[in-house]
Amino acid sequence: MNEVPTESTETTEPTESAMAFDPTSLPEELAHEPSLRNFDDVSKLAKSYVNLVKKMGVPAEQLVRLPSDGNYEELYNQLGRPPDPQGYEIDLSNDINLEYVNNAHKLGLSKDQARDVYDWMMNKYEQVRSQEKNEYQEAVQQGIESLKREWGTDFESQTQIAKQAFLQLADADTVKMVEASGLGNSPEMIKLFNRVGQILKEDGMLQNDVAFGDSGGRASIESRLQQIMDSDSPYWNGMHPEHDKYVNEALKLREFLT
């Protein structure tokens, strides 16, 4: 009686020849790839691929790919660029900031990138402005000290002549501009108006008997003259006990303004 062969339960191990890997057997574009020559069997190649995927951390289909046509608009959007420049949420109340966000959007910056660059620029601007302010104040102080050495004990009187000449000649707008810019503390300005004041003084034209207000001499004169010429002022009422006083004051103020 013939014996029926029993089915074997043992797992057949792949033969060494079945696991062998020969890059030259691959298609032409891969046959001469240098990186594949490091593998002599399929298992090593498979392990290398698994390790590579683990290191990348994401599946290959989720990797960002550079556009072949050079159009990066969609890529910029994927990387976090807002739909429009307003999406950067940067103050657009001035033209410089508006120009900045437009260029940031054109360059494809993400919201965080644009904000980081903007904050850096603002901090740099503040540092430069603070440094320039300190340097200007230091230069002014050095100039004042130089004037003190030059004028000695006459420093106060000489600066008063300069101030008197400036207030006598400057109108309200000029006074405001000089006060806002800090030019009133400039040694060059002080010396300039000191020379003007000396000329006016020699000609007997330097006025020093006008009560100057906070806004400056000429500005104060103009303001006081406007008050005198108000429609309800005694200037217009010949019967008012102060009529002559107002008329004389107005004449004197007009002389200062000529």
C-alpha atoms as a PDB file:
ATOM      1  CA  MET A   1       0.000   0.000   0.000  1.00  0.00           C
ATOM      2  CA  ASN A   2       1.358   3.381  -1.010  1.00  0.00           C
ATOM      3  CA  GLU A   3       1.915   5.946   1.774  1.00  0.00           C
ATOM      4  CA  VAL A   4       0.200   9.331   1.398  1.00  0.00           C
ATOM      5  CA  PRO A   5       2.732  12.059   1.828  1.00  0.00           C
ATOM      6  CA  THR A   6       1.930  14.377   4.731  1.00  0.00           C
ATOM      7  CA  GLU A   7       1.920  18.202   4.344  1.00  0.00           C
ATOM      8  CA  SER A   8       4.940  19.839   5.970  1.00  0.00           C
ATOM      9  CA  THR A   9       4.254  22.629   8.563  1.00  0.00           C
ATOM     10  CA  GLU A  10       7.743  24.069   8.375  1.00  0.00           C
ATOM     11  CA  THR A  11       8.157  27.619   6.907  1.00  0.00           C
ATOM     12  CA  THR A  12      10.331  27.690   3.893  1.00  0.00           C
ATOM     13  CA  GLU A  13      13.137  30.183   4.321  1.00  0.00           C
ATOM     14  CA  PRO A  14      14.000  32.257   1.250  1.00  0.00           C
ATOM     15  CA  THR A  15      17.193  31.062  -0.296  1.00  0.00           C
ATOM     16  CA  GLU A  16      20.252  33.247  -0.361  1.00  0.00           C
ATOM     17  CA  SER A  17      19.947  33.552  -4.095  1.00  0.00           C
ATOM     18  CA  ALA A  18      16.338  34.762  -3.793  1.00  0.00           C
ATOM     19  CA  MET A  19      17.392  37.582  -1.400  1.00  0.00           C
ATOM     20  CA  ALA A  20      20.328  38.657  -3.535  1.00  0.00           C
ATOM     21  CA  PHE A  21      20.115  42.167  -4.940  1.00  0.00           C
ATOM     22  CA  ASP A  22      21.836  43.229  -8.131  1.00  0.00           C
ATOM     23  CA  PRO A  23      21.370  46.939  -9.079  1.00  0.00           C
ATOM     24  CA  THR A  24      22.450  46.222 -12.626  1.00  0.00           C
ATOM     25  CA  SER A  25      19.267  44.219 -13.134  1.00  0.00           C
ATOM     26  CA  LEU A  26      17.163  47.330 -12.581  1.00  0.00           C
ATOM     27  CA  PRO A  27      15.939  49.675 -15.319  1.00  0.00           C
ATOM     28  CA  GLU A  28      18.552  51.826 -16.997  1.00  0.00           C
ATOM     29  CA  GLU A  29      17.849  54.968 -14.925  1.00  0.00           C
ATOM     30  CA  LEU A  30      18.544  53.031 -11.685  1.00  0.00           C
ATOM     31  CA  ALA A  31      21.110  50.482 -12.792  1.00  0.00           C
ATOM     32  CA  HIS A  32      24.040  52.842 -12.339  1.00  0.00           C
ATOM     33  CA  GLU A  33      22.764  54.712  -9.254  1.00  0.00           C
ATOM     34  CA  PRO A  34      25.806  54.887  -6.872  1.00  0.00           C
ATOM     35  CA  SER A  35      23.713  54.795  -3.705  1.00  0.00           C
ATOM     36  CA  LEU A  36      22.224  51.404  -4.640  1.00  0.00           C
ATOM     37  CA  ARG A  37      25.628  49.737  -4.888  1.00  0.00           C
ATOM     38  CA  ASN A  38      25.818  49.654  -1.077  1.00  0.00           C
ATOM     39  CA  PHE A  39      23.176  46.907  -0.999  1.00  0.00           C
ATOM     40  CA  ASP A  40      23.787  43.266  -1.874  1.00  0.00           C
ATOM     41  CA  ASP A  41      20.438  41.846  -0.730  1.00  0.00           C
ATOM     42  CA  VAL A  42      16.808  42.939  -0.683  1.00  0.00           C
ATOM     43  CA  SER A  43      16.475  42.894   3.119  1.00  0.00           C
ATOM     44  CA  LYS A  44      19.201  45.508   3.546  1.00  0.00           C
ATOM     45  CA  LEU A  45      17.528  47.697   0.955  1.00  0.00           C
ATOM     46  CA  ALA A  46      14.158  47.301   2.706  1.00  0.00           C
ATOM     47  CA  LYS A  47      15.625  48.154   6.125  1.00  0.00           C
ATOM     48  CA  SER A  48      17.270  51.244   4.696  1.00  0.00           C
ATOM     49  CA  TYR A  49      13.974  52.427   3.244  1.00  0.00           C
ATOM     50  CA  VAL A  50      12.131  51.865   6.559  1.00  0.00           C
ATOM     51  CA  ASN A  51      14.768  53.805   8.477  1.00  0.00           C
ATOM     52  CA  LEU A  52      14.581  56.641   5.979  1.00  0.00           C
ATOM     53  CA  VAL A  53      10.803  56.902   6.333  1.00  0.00           C
ATOM     54  CA  LYS A  54      11.098  56.928  10.138  1.00  0.00           C
ATOM     55  CA  LYS A  55      13.698  59.693  10.020  1.00  0.00           C
ATOM     56  CA  MET A  56      11.556  61.832   7.756  1.00  0.00           C
ATOM     57  CA  GLY A  57       8.668  61.442  10.191  1.00  0.00           C
ATOM     58  CA  VAL A  58       5.994  61.804   7.520  1.00  0.00           C
ATOM     59  CA  PRO A  59       4.803  59.682   4.661  1.00  0.00           C
ATOM     60  CA  ALA A  60       6.375  60.463   1.327  1.00  0.00           C
ATOM     61  CA  GLU A  61       3.070  61.716  -0.089  1.00  0.00           C
ATOM     62  CA  GLN A  62       2.931  64.425   2.580  1.00  0.00           C
ATOM     63  CA  LEU A  63       6.306  65.936   1.787  1.00  0.00           C
ATOM     64  CA  VAL A  64       6.333  69.503   0.412  1.00  0.00           C
ATOM     65  CA  ARG A  65       7.399  69.496  -3.182  1.00  0.00           C
ATOM     66  CA  LEU A  66       8.839  72.474  -5.034  1.00  0.00           C
ATOM     67  CA  PRO A  67       6.788  73.483  -8.064  1.00  0.00           C
ATOM     68  CA  SER A  68       8.362  72.570 -11.372  1.00  0.00           C
ATOM     69  CA  ASP A  69       6.898  75.625 -13.140  1.00  0.00           C
ATOM     70  CA  GLY A  70       8.425  78.176 -10.727  1.00  0.00           C
ATOM     71  CA  ASN A  71       5.017  79.315  -9.421  1.00  0.00           C
ATOM     72  CA  TYR A  72       5.360  79.332  -5.622  1.00  0.00           C
ATOM     73  CA  GLU A  73       2.022  80.955  -4.750  1.00  0.00           C
ATOM     74  CA  GLU A  74       0.336  77.746  -3.608  1.00  0.00           C
ATOM     75  CA  LEU A  75       3.467  76.682  -1.722  1.00  0.00           C
ATOM     76  CA  TYR A  76       3.589  80.021   0.122  1.00  0.00           C
ATOM     77  CA  ASN A  77      -0.040  79.534   1.173  1.00  0.00           C
ATOM     78  CA  GLN A  78       0.700  76.022   2.439  1.00  0.00           C
ATOM     79  CA  LEU A  79       3.617  77.359   4.499  1.00  0.00           C
ATOM     80  CA  GLY A  80       1.434  79.871   6.354  1.00  0.00           C
ATOM     81  CA  ARG A  81       1.155  82.982   4.206  1.00  0.00           C
ATOM     82  CA  PRO A  82      -2.161  84.771   4.897  1.00  0.00           C
ATOM     83  CA  PRO A  83      -4.634  85.164   2.007  1.00  0.00           C
ATOM     84  CA  ASP A  84      -3.917  88.898   1.718  1.00  0.00           C
ATOM     85  CA  PRO A  85      -1.513  91.493   3.250  1.00  0.00           C
ATOM     86  CA  GLN A  86      -4.118  92.580   5.825  1.00  0.00           C
ATOM     87  CA  GLY A  87      -3.871  89.092   7.310  1.00  0.00           C
ATOM     88  CA  TYR A  88      -0.481  89.942   8.840  1.00  0.00           C
ATOM     89  CA  GLU A  89      -2.374  92.058  11.426  1.00  0.00           C
ATOM     90  CA  ILE A  90       0.211  94.845  11.343  1.00  0.00           C
ATOM     91  CA  ASP A  91      -0.798  98.490  11.791  1.00  0.00           C
ATOM     92  CA  LEU A  92      -1.495  99.911   8.324  1.00  0.00           C
ATOM     93  CA  SER A  93      -2.087 103.522   9.347  1.00  0.00           C
ATOM     94  CA  ASN A  94       1.100 104.684   7.613  1.00  0.00           C
ATOM     95  CA  ASP A  95       2.481 104.171   4.106  1.00  0.00           C
ATOM     96  CA  ILE A  96       5.692 102.476   5.280  1.00  0.00           C
ATOM     97  CA  ASN A  97       3.851  99.654   7.055  1.00  0.00           C
ATOM     98  CA  LEU A  98       1.475  99.270   4.117  1.00  0.00           C
ATOM     99  CA  GLU A  99       4.413  98.946   1.731  1.00  0.00           C
ATOM    100  CA  TYR A 100       6.051  96.444   4.075  1.00  0.00           C
ATOM    101  CA  VAL A 101       3.083  94.036   4.314  1.00  0.00           C
ATOM    102  CA  ASN A 102       2.553  94.172   0.544  1.00  0.00           C
ATOM    103  CA  ASN A 103       6.163  93.170  -0.058  1.00  0.00           C
ATOM    104  CA  ALA A 104       6.058  90.541   2.701  1.00  0.00           C
ATOM    105  CA  HIS A 105       3.036  88.967   1.017  1.00  0.00           C
ATOM    106  CA  LYS A 106       4.724  89.109  -2.377  1.00  0.00           C
ATOM    107  CA  LEU A 107       7.809  87.368  -0.955  1.00  0.00           C
ATOM    108  CA  GLY A 108       5.655  84.645   0.589  1.00  0.00           C
ATOM    109  CA  LEU A 109       6.387  85.298   4.267  1.00  0.00           C
ATOM    110  CA  SER A 110       4.209  83.514   6.778  1.00  0.00           C
ATOM    111  CA  LYS A 111       2.346  85.508   9.414  1.00  0.00           C
ATOM    112  CA  ASP A 112       4.896  84.670  12.106  1.00  0.00           C
ATOM    113  CA  GLN A 113       7.845  85.437   9.830  1.00  0.00           C
ATOM    114  CA  ALA A 114       6.420  88.816   8.816  1.00  0.00           C
ATOM    115  CA  ARG A 115       5.736  89.730  12.460  1.00  0.00           C
ATOM    116  CA  ASP A 116       9.257  88.710  13.561  1.00  0.00           C
ATOM    117  CA  VAL A 117      10.867  90.793  10.806  1.00  0.00           C
ATOM    118  CA  TYR A 118       8.586  93.755  11.586  1.00  0.00           C
ATOM    119  CA  ASP A 119       9.351  93.632  15.316  1.00  0.00           C
ATOM    120  CA  TRP A 120      13.069  93.442  14.560  1.00  0.00           C
ATOM    121  CA  MET A 121      12.870  96.499  12.296  1.00  0.00           C
ATOM    122  CA  MET A 122      10.888  98.500  14.866  1.00  0.00           C
ATOM    123  CA  ASN A 123      13.333  97.632  17.648  1.00  0.00           C
ATOM    124  CA  LYS A 124      16.253  98.569  15.412  1.00  0.00           C
ATOM    125  CA  TYR A 125      14.569 101.856  14.506  1.00  0.00           C
ATOM    126  CA  GLU A 126      14.008 102.712  18.167  1.00  0.00           C
ATOM    127  CA  GLN A 127      17.632 101.891  18.985  1.00  0.00           C
ATOM    128  CA  VAL A 128      18.923 104.105  16.172  1.00  0.00           C
ATOM    129  CA  ARG A 129      16.569 106.957  17.093  1.00  0.00           C
ATOM    130  CA  SER A 130      17.541 106.737  20.755  1.00  0.00           C
ATOM    131  CA  GLN A 131      21.225 106.710  19.856  1.00  0.00           C
ATOM    132  CA  GLU A 132      20.824 109.724  17.554  1.00  0.00           C
ATOM    133  CA  LYS A 133      18.914 111.595  20.271  1.00  0.00           C
ATOM    134  CA  ASN A 134      21.611 110.885  22.834  1.00  0.00           C
ATOM    135  CA  GLU A 135      24.351 111.938  20.412  1.00  0.00           C
ATOM    136  CA  TYR A 136      22.477 115.170  19.605  1.00  0.00           C
ATOM    137  CA  GLN A 137      21.955 116.002  23.267  1.00  0.00           C
ATOM    138  CA  GLU A 138      25.602 115.305  23.978  1.00  0.00           C
ATOM    139  CA  ALA A 139      26.665 117.562  21.108  1.00  0.00           C
ATOM    140  CA  VAL A 140      24.341 120.334  22.354  1.00  0.00           C
ATOM    141  CA  GLN A 141      25.715 120.039  25.872  1.00  0.00           C
ATOM    142  CA  GLN A 142      29.265 120.206  24.576  1.00  0.00           C
ATOM    143  CA  GLY A 143      28.328 123.299  22.552  1.00  0.00           C
ATOM    144  CA  ILE A 144      26.781 124.975  25.607  1.00  0.00           C
ATOM    145  CA  GLU A 145      29.885 124.244  27.634  1.00  0.00           C
ATOM    146  CA  SER A 146      31.960 125.743  24.819  1.00  0.00           C
ATOM    147  CA  LEU A 147      29.808 128.911  24.899  1.00  0.00           C
ATOM    148  CA  LYS A 148      30.207 129.124  28.665  1.00  0.00           C
ATOM    149  CA  ARG A 149      33.965 129.012  28.283  1.00  0.00           C
ATOM    150  CA  GLU A 150      33.844 131.596  25.471  1.00  0.00           C
ATOM    151  CA  TRP A 151      31.479 134.052  27.176  1.00  0.00           C
ATOM    152  CA  GLY A 152      32.547 133.381  30.746  1.00  0.00           C
ATOM    153  CA  THR A 153      30.611 135.425  33.294  1.00  0.00           C
ATOM    154  CA  ASP A 154      28.635 137.083  30.444  1.00  0.00           C
ATOM    155  CA  PHE A 155      27.049 133.766  29.439  1.00  0.00           C
ATOM    156  CA  GLU A 156      23.641 134.519  30.967  1.00  0.00           C
ATOM    157  CA  SER A 157      23.433 138.053  29.557  1.00  0.00           C
ATOM    158  CA  GLN A 158      24.597 136.979  26.101  1.00  0.00           C
ATOM    159  CA  THR A 159      22.084 134.126  25.905  1.00  0.00           C
ATOM    160  CA  GLN A 160      19.368 136.542  27.054  1.00  0.00           C
ATOM    161  CA  ILE A 161      20.218 138.881  24.150  1.00  0.00           C
ATOM    162  CA  ALA A 162      19.946 135.935  21.757  1.00  0.00           C
ATOM    163  CA  LYS A 163      16.610 134.895  23.226  1.00  0.00           C
ATOM    164  CA  GLN A 164      15.291 138.467  23.122  1.00  0.00           C
ATOM    165  CA  ALA A 165      16.256 138.881  19.466  1.00  0.00           C
ATOM    166  CA  PHE A 166      14.666 135.577  18.485  1.00  0.00           C
ATOM    167  CA  LEU A 167      11.408 136.264  20.291  1.00  0.00           C
ATOM    168  CA  GLN A 168      11.268 139.748  18.830  1.00  0.00           C
ATOM    169  CA  LEU A 169      11.640 138.537  15.245  1.00  0.00           C
ATOM    170  CA  ALA A 170       9.985 135.097  15.240  1.00  0.00           C
ATOM    171  CA  ASP A 171       6.309 134.622  14.506  1.00  0.00           C
ATOM    172  CA  ALA A 172       4.112 132.061  16.263  1.00  0.00           C
ATOM    173  CA  ASP A 173       4.739 129.269  13.748  1.00  0.00           C
ATOM    174  CA  THR A 174       8.505 129.733  13.916  1.00  0.00           C
ATOM    175  CA  VAL A 175       8.457 129.685  17.709  1.00  0.00           C
ATOM    176  CA  LYS A 176       6.479 126.445  17.708  1.00  0.00           C
ATOM    177  CA  MET A 177       8.795 124.870  15.138  1.00  0.00           C
ATOM    178  CA  VAL A 178      11.943 125.785  17.085  1.00  0.00           C
ATOM    179  CA  GLU A 179      10.455 124.548  20.353  1.00  0.00           C
ATOM    180  CA  ALA A 180       9.375 121.238  18.795  1.00  0.00           C
ATOM    181  CA  SER A 181      12.694 120.616  17.037  1.00  0.00           C
ATOM    182  CA  GLY A 182      14.915 121.586  19.960  1.00  0.00           C
ATOM    183  CA  LEU A 183      16.834 124.092  17.831  1.00  0.00           C
ATOM    184  CA  GLY A 184      16.439 126.659  20.569  1.00  0.00           C
ATOM    185  CA  ASN A 185      19.154 124.829  22.493  1.00  0.00           C
ATOM    186  CA  SER A 186      21.518 124.662  19.547  1.00  0.00           C
ATOM    187  CA  PRO A 187      24.750 126.591  20.269  1.00  0.00           C
ATOM    188  CA  GLU A 188      24.857 127.680  16.614  1.00  0.00           C
ATOM    189  CA  MET A 189      21.354 129.158  16.853  1.00  0.00           C
ATOM    190  CA  ILE A 190      22.192 130.891  20.123  1.00  0.00           C
ATOM    191  CA  LYS A 191      25.323 132.476  18.628  1.00  0.00           C
ATOM    192  CA  LEU A 192      23.441 133.487  15.474  1.00  0.00           C
ATOM    193  CA  PHE A 193      20.664 135.294  17.319  1.00  0.00           C
ATOM    194  CA  ASN A 194      23.164 136.749  19.756  1.00  0.00           C
ATOM    195  CA  ARG A 195      24.827 138.469  16.789  1.00  0.00           C
ATOM    196  CA  VAL A 196      21.410 139.596  15.523  1.00  0.00           C
ATOM    197  CA  GLY A 197      20.589 140.873  19.002  1.00  0.00           C
ATOM    198  CA  GLN A 198      23.867 142.791  19.202  1.00  0.00           C
ATOM    199  CA  ILE A 199      23.074 144.527  15.898  1.00  0.00           C
ATOM    200  CA  LEU A 200      19.560 145.393  17.071  1.00  0.00           C
ATOM    201  CA  LYS A 201      20.944 146.618  20.372  1.00  0.00           C
ATOM    202  CA  GLU A 202      23.518 148.873  18.685  1.00  0.00           C
ATOM    203  CA  ASP A 203      20.742 150.413  16.591  1.00  0.00           C
ATOM    204  CA  GLY A 204      18.538 150.826  19.645  1.00  0.00           C
ATOM    205  CA  MET A 205      15.978 148.401  18.220  1.00  0.00           C
ATOM    206  CA  LEU A 206      16.302 145.484  20.631  1.00  0.00           C
ATOM    207  CA  GLN A 207      13.091 145.445  22.625  1.00  0.00           C
ATOM    208  CA  ASN A 208      13.318 144.292  26.204  1.00  0.00           C
ATOM    209  CA  ASP A 209      10.239 145.841  27.797  1.00  0.00           C
ATOM    210  CA  VAL A 210       7.567 143.526  26.337  1.00  0.00           C
ATOM    211  CA  ALA A 211       6.066 140.929  28.624  1.00  0.00           C
ATOM    212  CA  PHE A 212       6.729 137.807  26.548  1.00  0.00           C
ATOM    213  CA  GLY A 213       4.398 134.884  26.974  1.00  0.00           C
ATOM    214  CA  ASP A 214       5.093 131.194  26.802  1.00  0.00           C
ATOM    215  CA  SER A 215       4.586 131.118  23.020  1.00  0.00           C
ATOM    216  CA  GLY A 216       7.333 133.652  22.292  1.00  0.00           C
ATOM    217  CA  GLY A 217       7.747 137.403  21.817  1.00  0.00           C
ATOM    218  CA  ARG A 218       6.246 138.083  18.389  1.00  0.00           C
ATOM    219  CA  ALA A 219       3.572 135.472  18.968  1.00  0.00           C
ATOM    220  CA  SER A 220       2.674 137.100  22.285  1.00  0.00           C
ATOM    221  CA  ILE A 221       2.602 140.530  20.655  1.00  0.00           C
ATOM    222  CA  GLU A 222       0.273 139.290  17.930  1.00  0.00           C
ATOM    223  CA  SER A 223      -1.974 137.619  20.501  1.00  0.00           C
ATOM    224  CA  ARG A 224      -2.119 140.747  22.696  1.00  0.00           C
ATOM    225  CA  LEU A 225      -2.780 142.993  19.707  1.00  0.00           C
ATOM    226  CA  GLN A 226      -5.656 140.751  18.680  1.00  0.00           C
ATOM    227  CA  GLN A 227      -7.136 141.093  22.161  1.00  0.00           C
ATOM    228  CA  ILE A 228      -6.849 144.881  22.022  1.00  0.00           C
ATOM    229  CA  MET A 229      -8.529 145.000  18.622  1.00  0.00           C
ATOM    230  CA  ASP A 230     -11.437 142.813  19.732  1.00  0.00           C
ATOM    231  CA  SER A 231     -14.804 144.327  18.908  1.00  0.00           C
ATOM    232  CA  ASP A 232     -15.690 144.696  22.611  1.00  0.00           C
ATOM    233  CA  SER A 233     -12.336 146.233  23.523  1.00  0.00           C
ATOM    234  CA  PRO A 234     -12.044 149.815  24.961  1.00  0.00           C
ATOM    235  CA  TYR A 235      -9.917 150.521  21.857  1.00  0.00           C
ATOM    236  CA  TRP A 236     -13.141 151.147  19.916  1.00  0.00           C
ATOM    237  CA  ASN A 237     -14.916 153.102  22.641  1.00  0.00           C
ATOM    238  CA  GLY A 238     -13.698 156.685  22.858  1.00  0.00           C
ATOM    239  CA  MET A 239     -15.680 157.226  26.061  1.00  0.00           C
ATOM    240  CA  HIS A 240     -14.088 154.340  27.893  1.00  0.00           C
ATOM    241  CA  PRO A 241     -11.630 155.432  30.632  1.00  0.00           C
ATOM    242  CA  GLU A 242      -8.949 153.052  29.274  1.00  0.00           C
ATOM    243  CA  HIS A 243      -9.438 153.986  25.609  1.00  0.00           C
ATOM    244  CA  ASP A 244      -6.224 156.015  25.347  1.00  0.00           C
ATOM    245  CA  LYS A 245      -4.233 153.305  27.130  1.00  0.00           C
ATOM    246  CA  TYR A 246      -5.401 150.667  24.664  1.00  0.00           C
ATOM    247  CA  VAL A 247      -4.677 152.881  21.649  1.00  0.00           C
ATOM    248  CA  ASN A 248      -1.145 153.676  22.838  1.00  0.00           C
ATOM    249  CA  GLU A 249      -0.437 150.016  23.596  1.00  0.00           C
ATOM    250  CA  ALA A 250      -1.662 149.012  20.148  1.00  0.00           C
ATOM    251  CA  LEU A 251       0.618 151.583  18.502  1.00  0.00           C
ATOM    252  CA  LYS A 252       3.593 150.368  20.462  1.00  0.00           C
ATOM    253  CA  LEU A 253       2.869 146.715  19.642  1.00  0.00           C
ATOM    254  CA  ARG A 254       2.571 147.521  15.942  1.00  0.00           C
ATOM    255  CA  GLU A 255       6.007 149.155  16.088  1.00  0.00           C
ATOM    256  CA  PHE A 256       7.438 145.899  17.437  1.00  0.00           C
ATOM    257  CA  LEU A 257       5.926 143.978  14.564  1.00  0.00           C
ATOM    258  CA  THR A 258       7.314 146.242  11.820  1.00  0.00           C
END
